[in-house]
Protein backbone atom coordinates (compact mmCIF):
# COMPACT_ATOMS: atom_id res chain seq x y z
CA MET A 1 -0.01 -0.01 0.18
CA ASP A 2 3.00 2.58 0.78
CA GLU A 3 4.53 1.75 -2.39
CA LYS A 4 1.17 2.22 -4.45
CA ARG A 5 1.05 5.46 -2.57
CA ASN A 6 4.27 6.64 -2.99
CA LYS A 7 3.92 6.04 -6.62
CA CYS A 8 0.56 7.93 -6.77
CA GLU A 9 1.98 11.32 -4.97
CA LEU A 10 4.68 11.08 -7.07
CA PHE A 11 2.70 10.98 -10.39
CA ASP A 12 0.48 13.81 -8.79
CA LEU A 13 3.90 15.77 -8.51
CA ASN A 14 4.95 15.28 -11.71
CA LEU A 15 1.28 16.24 -13.11
CA ARG A 16 1.38 19.22 -11.20
CA ARG A 17 5.13 20.30 -12.45
CA TYR A 18 4.19 19.45 -15.98
CA GLU A 19 0.90 21.66 -15.77
CA LYS A 20 3.02 24.77 -14.05
CA CYS A 21 5.68 24.35 -16.93
CA GLY A 22 2.81 24.54 -19.62
CA THR A 23 1.06 27.60 -17.77
CA GLU A 24 4.25 29.24 -17.92
CA MET A 25 5.24 28.40 -21.48
CA SER A 26 1.68 29.67 -22.42
CA VAL A 27 2.24 32.90 -20.44
CA LYS A 28 5.69 33.70 -22.19
CA GLU A 29 4.54 32.78 -25.69
CA ASN A 30 1.33 35.15 -25.26
CA VAL A 31 3.35 37.82 -24.35
CA LEU A 32 6.15 37.31 -27.31
CA ARG A 33 3.08 36.74 -29.64
CA SER A 34 1.81 40.19 -28.61
CA VAL A 35 5.05 41.87 -29.12
CA ARG A 36 5.85 40.03 -32.63
CA SER A 37 1.71 40.95 -33.69
CA ASP A 38 2.39 44.56 -32.90
CA SER A 39 5.49 45.89 -31.36
CA LEU A 40 4.48 49.70 -30.97
CA ALA A 41 1.04 48.81 -29.65
CA ALA A 42 2.65 46.92 -26.73
CA ASP A 43 5.59 49.11 -26.23
CA ALA A 44 2.91 52.00 -25.91
CA THR A 45 0.66 49.89 -23.74
CA TRP A 46 3.62 48.86 -21.31
CA SER A 47 5.30 52.25 -21.52
CA LEU A 48 1.91 54.00 -19.97
CA PHE A 49 1.88 51.39 -17.20
CA VAL A 50 5.23 52.27 -16.12
CA ALA A 51 4.59 55.88 -16.47
CA ALA A 52 1.73 55.47 -13.53
CA LEU A 53 3.93 53.07 -11.72
CA VAL A 54 7.18 55.46 -11.05
CA ASN A 55 4.95 58.43 -10.34
CA TYR A 56 4.88 59.43 -6.88
CA LYS A 57 1.41 59.19 -7.20
CA CYS A 58 1.64 55.91 -8.06
CA ASN A 59 -1.15 54.56 -5.44
CA THR A 60 -3.81 56.69 -6.76
CA VAL A 61 -3.01 56.81 -10.52
CA LEU A 62 -2.13 52.88 -11.01
CA ARG A 63 -5.52 51.89 -11.64
CA PRO A 64 -6.22 48.68 -12.16
CA PHE A 65 -3.40 47.48 -9.93
CA PRO A 66 -1.79 44.16 -11.01
CA PRO A 67 -3.69 41.59 -8.48
CA ALA A 68 -0.82 39.13 -8.31
CA PHE A 69 1.41 42.22 -6.29
CA ILE A 70 -1.28 42.51 -3.54
CA ARG A 71 -0.52 40.50 -0.29
CA TYR A 72 -3.07 40.54 2.24
CA GLY A 73 -4.68 43.62 1.04
CA GLU A 74 -1.81 45.70 0.87
CA LYS A 75 -0.19 46.53 -2.66
CA ASP A 76 3.54 45.65 -2.94
CA PHE A 77 5.22 48.27 -4.94
CA LYS A 78 8.60 47.70 -3.94
CA ARG A 79 8.16 43.91 -5.44
CA LEU A 80 6.42 45.40 -8.36
CA ILE A 81 9.15 47.66 -9.22
CA LYS A 82 11.74 45.02 -8.66
CA GLU A 83 10.54 43.16 -11.28
CA VAL A 84 9.41 46.34 -14.00
CA GLN A 85 13.18 47.19 -13.39
CA ALA A 86 14.55 43.89 -14.61
CA ILE A 87 12.76 43.70 -17.70
CA PRO A 88 14.66 44.35 -20.80
CA SER A 89 13.83 45.91 -24.14
CA PHE A 90 11.02 44.04 -26.30
CA PHE A 91 13.97 43.84 -28.88
CA GLN A 92 16.05 41.90 -26.38
CA LEU A 93 12.99 39.67 -25.15
CA LEU A 94 12.66 38.77 -28.60
CA HIS A 95 16.08 38.19 -29.63
CA GLY A 96 16.93 35.54 -26.61
CA ASN A 97 17.56 37.71 -23.73
CA ASP A 98 14.48 36.62 -21.83
CA ALA A 99 15.95 35.55 -18.69
CA ILE A 100 13.61 37.25 -16.50
CA THR A 101 11.63 35.67 -13.42
CA ASP A 102 8.09 33.79 -13.69
CA GLU A 103 6.13 36.79 -12.31
CA ALA A 104 7.64 39.18 -14.78
CA TRP A 105 6.33 37.38 -17.53
CA ALA A 106 2.91 36.91 -15.75
CA LEU A 107 3.02 41.01 -15.27
CA LEU A 108 3.82 41.82 -19.00
CA ASP A 109 0.73 39.17 -19.72
CA TRP A 110 -1.42 40.75 -17.23
CA VAL A 111 -0.98 44.31 -18.90
CA LEU A 112 -0.93 43.39 -22.39
CA ASN A 113 -3.27 40.63 -22.57
CA SER A 114 -5.66 40.62 -19.56
CA GLN A 115 -9.06 39.27 -20.36
CA LYS A 116 -10.41 42.36 -18.52
CA LYS A 117 -8.50 44.78 -20.02
CA PRO A 118 -11.33 47.14 -22.52
CA PHE A 119 -9.09 48.51 -24.96
CA GLN A 120 -6.70 47.55 -27.73
CA LEU A 121 -3.99 50.04 -29.28
CA ILE A 122 -3.93 50.04 -32.75
CA PRO A 123 -0.98 52.40 -34.19
CA VAL A 124 -1.45 54.40 -37.55
CA SER A 125 0.99 53.73 -40.07
CA ALA A 126 3.98 56.88 -40.06
CA SER A 127 2.73 57.67 -43.84
CA ARG A 128 -0.71 58.33 -42.69
CA VAL A 129 -0.25 60.42 -39.83
CA LYS A 130 -0.12 63.53 -41.10
CA GLU A 131 -3.31 62.73 -43.22
CA ARG A 132 -4.81 61.69 -39.87
CA VAL A 133 -4.25 65.06 -38.06
CA GLN A 134 -5.53 66.97 -40.73
CA GLN A 135 -8.57 65.06 -40.72
CA TYR A 136 -8.98 65.53 -36.97
CA ALA A 137 -8.25 68.99 -37.13
CA THR A 138 -11.27 69.54 -39.79
CA GLN A 139 -13.41 67.41 -37.46
CA THR A 140 -12.75 69.85 -34.74
CA ASN A 141 -12.70 72.81 -36.33
CA GLN A 142 -9.24 73.73 -35.36
CA VAL A 143 -7.62 76.88 -36.59
CA THR A 144 -4.26 77.28 -34.61
CA PRO A 145 -1.51 74.96 -36.31
CA ALA A 146 0.38 72.63 -33.91
CA ARG A 147 3.00 70.48 -33.72
CA CYS A 148 2.38 67.07 -35.35
CA PRO A 149 2.57 64.12 -33.42
CA ASP A 150 5.46 61.33 -33.49
CA TYR A 151 2.52 58.51 -33.20
CA ILE A 152 -0.94 58.21 -33.53
CA PHE A 153 -2.73 55.12 -31.87
CA ASP A 154 -6.14 54.36 -32.76
CA VAL A 155 -8.01 53.06 -29.52
CA GLU A 156 -10.70 50.12 -29.87
CA PHE A 157 -12.88 49.22 -26.93
CA THR A 158 -14.80 46.20 -26.23
CA ASP A 159 -18.32 45.93 -27.77
CA ALA A 160 -19.95 46.69 -24.36
CA ILE A 161 -18.81 50.19 -24.57
CA ASN A 162 -18.97 50.96 -27.99
CA GLY A 163 -22.90 49.91 -27.49
CA ARG A 164 -23.41 52.26 -24.37
CA PHE A 165 -21.89 55.06 -26.55
CA ASP A 166 -23.80 54.40 -29.89
CA SER A 167 -26.80 54.15 -27.87
CA LYS A 168 -26.48 57.78 -26.22
CA CYS A 169 -25.36 58.78 -29.89
CA SER A 170 -28.74 57.20 -31.09
CA THR A 171 -30.94 59.21 -28.50
CA HIS A 172 -29.58 62.60 -29.90
CA ASP A 173 -29.86 61.42 -33.69
CA GLY A 174 -26.65 60.48 -34.06
CA LYS A 175 -25.12 63.78 -33.82
CA GLN A 176 -21.31 64.21 -32.68
CA LEU A 177 -18.65 66.85 -31.53
CA TYR A 178 -14.97 66.45 -31.87
CA GLY A 179 -12.24 67.54 -29.25
CA TYR A 180 -8.78 67.16 -27.98
CA HIS A 181 -8.32 66.35 -24.16
CA GLY A 182 -5.00 66.78 -22.33
CA SER A 183 -3.40 65.01 -19.45
CA ARG A 184 -0.28 63.86 -17.65
CA LEU A 185 1.50 61.11 -18.46
CA GLU A 186 0.89 59.01 -15.54
CA ASN A 187 -3.18 59.16 -16.02
CA TRP A 188 -3.36 57.37 -19.12
CA HIS A 189 -3.07 53.78 -17.80
CA SER A 190 -6.15 54.83 -15.57
CA ILE A 191 -8.01 56.67 -17.83
CA LEU A 192 -7.71 53.69 -20.69
CA HIS A 193 -9.12 51.56 -18.38
CA ASN A 194 -11.73 53.30 -16.61
CA GLY A 195 -12.47 55.66 -19.13
CA LEU A 196 -12.46 59.98 -18.74
CA ASN A 197 -13.91 60.40 -15.20
CA ALA A 198 -15.64 64.26 -14.48
CA THR A 199 -15.28 63.75 -11.06
CA MET A 200 -11.40 63.25 -11.47
CA ASN A 201 -10.96 66.79 -13.06
CA LYS A 202 -9.09 69.25 -11.44
CA VAL A 203 -9.62 72.44 -13.61
CA SER A 204 -13.14 73.51 -12.47
CA VAL A 205 -13.30 77.26 -13.39
CA PHE A 206 -16.08 77.14 -15.56
CA GLY A 207 -17.98 74.51 -13.95
CA GLU A 208 -18.10 70.62 -13.28
CA GLY A 209 -17.01 67.93 -15.97
CA THR A 210 -14.09 66.97 -18.19
CA TYR A 211 -12.48 69.79 -20.34
CA LEU A 212 -11.94 69.42 -24.10
CA SER A 213 -11.09 71.26 -26.76
CA GLU A 214 -11.35 72.15 -30.29
CA GLU A 215 -7.62 73.42 -30.41
CA LEU A 216 -4.95 70.74 -30.27
CA SER A 217 -2.53 73.39 -28.90
CA LEU A 218 -4.41 74.38 -25.83
CA CYS A 219 -4.46 70.70 -24.61
CA MET A 220 -0.66 70.58 -24.89
CA HIS A 221 -0.29 72.98 -22.19
CA TYR A 222 -1.89 69.96 -19.75
CA SER A 223 -0.21 67.55 -20.92
CA PRO A 224 3.53 68.14 -19.99
CA TYR A 225 6.28 65.48 -20.94
CA GLY A 226 6.63 62.64 -18.35
CA PRO A 227 8.93 59.65 -17.78
CA GLY A 228 7.62 56.36 -19.29
CA TRP A 229 9.52 52.96 -19.77
CA GLU A 230 13.52 53.89 -19.89
CA HIS A 231 13.61 50.83 -22.54
CA SER A 232 10.90 52.07 -24.66
CA ASN A 233 11.38 52.36 -28.38
CA LEU A 234 8.90 54.97 -28.59
CA GLY A 235 11.01 57.42 -26.51
CA ARG A 236 11.88 57.60 -22.76
CA LYS A 237 9.68 61.00 -22.16
CA LEU A 238 6.52 61.10 -23.45
CA SER A 239 3.28 63.10 -23.88
CA CYS A 240 -0.26 62.27 -24.45
CA ILE A 241 -3.37 63.98 -25.93
CA ALA A 242 -6.54 62.45 -26.48
CA ILE A 243 -8.58 63.15 -29.89
CA CYS A 244 -12.67 62.10 -28.43
CA GLU A 245 -15.93 61.76 -29.66
CA ILE A 246 -18.61 63.72 -27.90
CA VAL A 247 -22.54 63.19 -28.04
CA ASP A 248 -24.16 66.14 -28.98
CA SER A 249 -26.29 66.53 -26.22
CA PRO A 250 -27.70 69.52 -24.41
CA GLU A 251 -25.63 68.29 -21.27
CA VAL A 252 -22.35 68.99 -22.99
CA LYS A 253 -21.66 72.83 -22.24
CA CYS A 254 -20.09 74.85 -24.84
CA CYS A 255 -19.85 78.46 -26.13
CA MET A 256 -22.87 78.78 -28.38
CA LYS A 257 -24.53 81.74 -29.89
CA GLY A 258 -28.35 82.82 -29.90
CA GLU A 259 -30.67 83.13 -26.95
CA ARG A 260 -31.99 79.66 -27.80
CA GLN A 261 -28.43 78.02 -26.68
CA ILE A 262 -27.55 80.17 -23.83
CA GLY A 263 -28.10 77.28 -21.57
CA ARG A 264 -25.70 75.47 -23.16
CA SER A 265 -22.94 78.34 -22.55
CA TYR A 266 -22.75 77.72 -18.49
CA ALA A 267 -21.77 74.57 -16.75
CA ARG A 268 -22.71 73.40 -13.28
CA ASN A 269 -21.18 75.14 -10.61
CA SER A 270 -19.17 77.50 -12.52
CA GLN A 271 -17.11 80.43 -11.02
CA GLY A 272 -16.21 81.95 -14.27
CA GLY A 273 -19.25 82.15 -16.16
CA LYS A 274 -19.74 81.02 -19.61
CA VAL A 275 -17.70 78.16 -21.13
CA PRO A 276 -14.86 80.00 -23.18
CA GLU A 277 -14.76 79.76 -26.77
CA LYS A 278 -13.15 76.35 -28.26
CA TYR A 279 -13.96 74.54 -25.06
CA PHE A 280 -16.51 71.63 -24.20
CA ILE A 281 -17.25 70.36 -20.73
CA VAL A 282 -18.96 67.10 -20.49
CA PRO A 283 -20.36 66.55 -16.88
CA ASN A 284 -21.23 63.02 -18.12
CA ASN A 285 -18.63 60.05 -18.61
CA GLU A 286 -21.10 58.00 -21.13
CA LEU A 287 -21.50 61.01 -23.78
CA LEU A 288 -17.76 60.90 -24.51
CA LYS A 289 -15.32 58.26 -25.91
CA ILE A 290 -11.49 58.08 -26.91
CA LYS A 291 -11.16 58.01 -30.43
CA SER A 292 -7.47 57.61 -30.84
CA LEU A 293 -3.96 58.87 -28.67
CA PHE A 294 -1.44 61.32 -29.95
CA LEU A 295 1.99 60.45 -28.70
CA TYR A 296 4.99 62.95 -28.46
CA VAL A 297 8.29 62.09 -28.08
CA GLU A 298 10.63 64.63 -26.22
CA SER A 299 13.72 62.64 -26.63
CA PRO A 300 14.50 59.89 -29.43
CA ALA A 301 14.85 56.46 -28.10
CA ILE A 302 17.74 54.61 -28.43
CA PRO A 303 17.92 52.97 -31.97
CA VAL A 304 17.17 49.07 -30.86
CA SER A 305 20.64 48.01 -32.58
CA LEU A 306 22.79 50.18 -30.04
CA GLN A 307 20.76 49.02 -26.80
CA GLY A 308 22.46 46.26 -26.11
CA GLN A 309 25.78 48.16 -26.02
CA PHE A 310 24.41 51.30 -23.94
CA SER A 311 22.97 48.50 -21.50
CA TRP A 312 26.71 47.12 -21.36
CA LEU A 313 28.21 50.27 -20.62
CA LYS A 314 25.48 51.47 -18.18
CA LYS A 315 26.09 48.07 -16.27
CA HIS A 316 29.93 48.58 -15.97
CA TRP A 317 30.36 52.45 -15.73
CA PHE A 318 32.09 52.19 -12.62
CA MET A 319 34.95 49.93 -14.09
CA LEU A 320 35.06 51.96 -17.12
CA MET A 321 35.78 55.05 -14.78
CA ILE A 322 38.56 52.92 -12.95
CA VAL A 323 40.34 52.37 -16.16
CA ALA A 324 40.06 55.97 -17.62
CA TYR A 325 41.46 57.27 -14.50
CA GLY A 326 44.43 54.48 -14.79
CA MET A 327 45.15 55.50 -18.30
CA PHE A 328 44.73 59.68 -17.10
CA LEU A 329 47.76 58.68 -14.44
CA VAL A 330 49.85 56.36 -16.90
CA ALA A 331 49.67 59.46 -19.56
CA ILE A 332 50.62 61.79 -16.96
CA GLY A 333 53.61 59.56 -16.06
CA PHE A 334 54.94 58.98 -19.09
CA ALA A 335 54.65 62.85 -19.84
CA ASN A 336 56.93 63.46 -17.03
CA SER A 337 59.30 60.90 -17.95
CA LYS A 338 62.89 61.19 -18.72
CA MET A 339 62.57 59.44 -21.85
CA PHE A 340 59.61 61.77 -23.23
CA GLN A 341 61.21 64.81 -22.27
CA LYS A 342 64.39 63.68 -24.31
CA PHE A 343 62.04 62.84 -27.29
CA LEU A 344 60.32 66.41 -26.91
CA ARG A 345 64.01 68.21 -26.71
CA ASN A 346 65.19 66.12 -29.93
CA VAL A 347 61.80 67.53 -31.78
CA ARG A 348 61.97 71.13 -30.84
CA LYS A 349 65.87 71.12 -32.37
């Protein structure tokens, strides 16, 4: 009986190991498949996650938080940051430098492929960026020229989110407005997962709600460059602005002409009077939906072909400084040597 029991226990142990190995390979393959199929979208999604994590307000802006790093109801930021810092560039992951922990693979899979993730980013080809910018400028009635984004990502939401927005549109004869919304880089991870939340808006001089504008240049003031992922192929410091679809509802406040439209010119609890020209204030989150993201890069990313070299230099900088200092001392000693002094005298003759 004991021998039979031992064989059964050994079989169960081997089965669990096999299942664990299969799960780990599945998670790793899911991540690599996502990166291979669309490296730009994966890079942007991961960069926005890291931007929220490295910000001093991470406890507030990192929503949702990866559940695997919650222990006894407490968020383990220290362990999460350690795993993120150990993840190399996606280029290195795809080319064999994949010696990261199982937790890191699971984290990447959660950020890129979670079933609860309500959106997908779809990059617009570089050849069509200017065309798309002009299209949105026409739809928003933009007048003031603004810098062209380095990247544009279309945002594709779930059928449930699209259905709710379309239902709101249909109750207003399908009429839509378009506007830009700017926010700090660390906020976009939460915005894409949870939507634009009017109650989180800090600017409320002209009333309560989410503020948007017809002018892209105005939104740039609210979207300063912020640190993202240091290994990103997009760039280390990014700025993000959204182009949004807005249901043309009387609830949406904007500067309107004519006595019949005066009710749309004042938002609730406004301290500054009428809504300024070129602005929209949307008090109901269900009346707007992000259509695309504009990404701006402050400093170009290191080319993927050179990332390994820069990584080596960064890792061995102290040793290189010692070698350089030693060479400096050797050069001084040689310059003061009798042989070198004699050589200089012969040259001067």
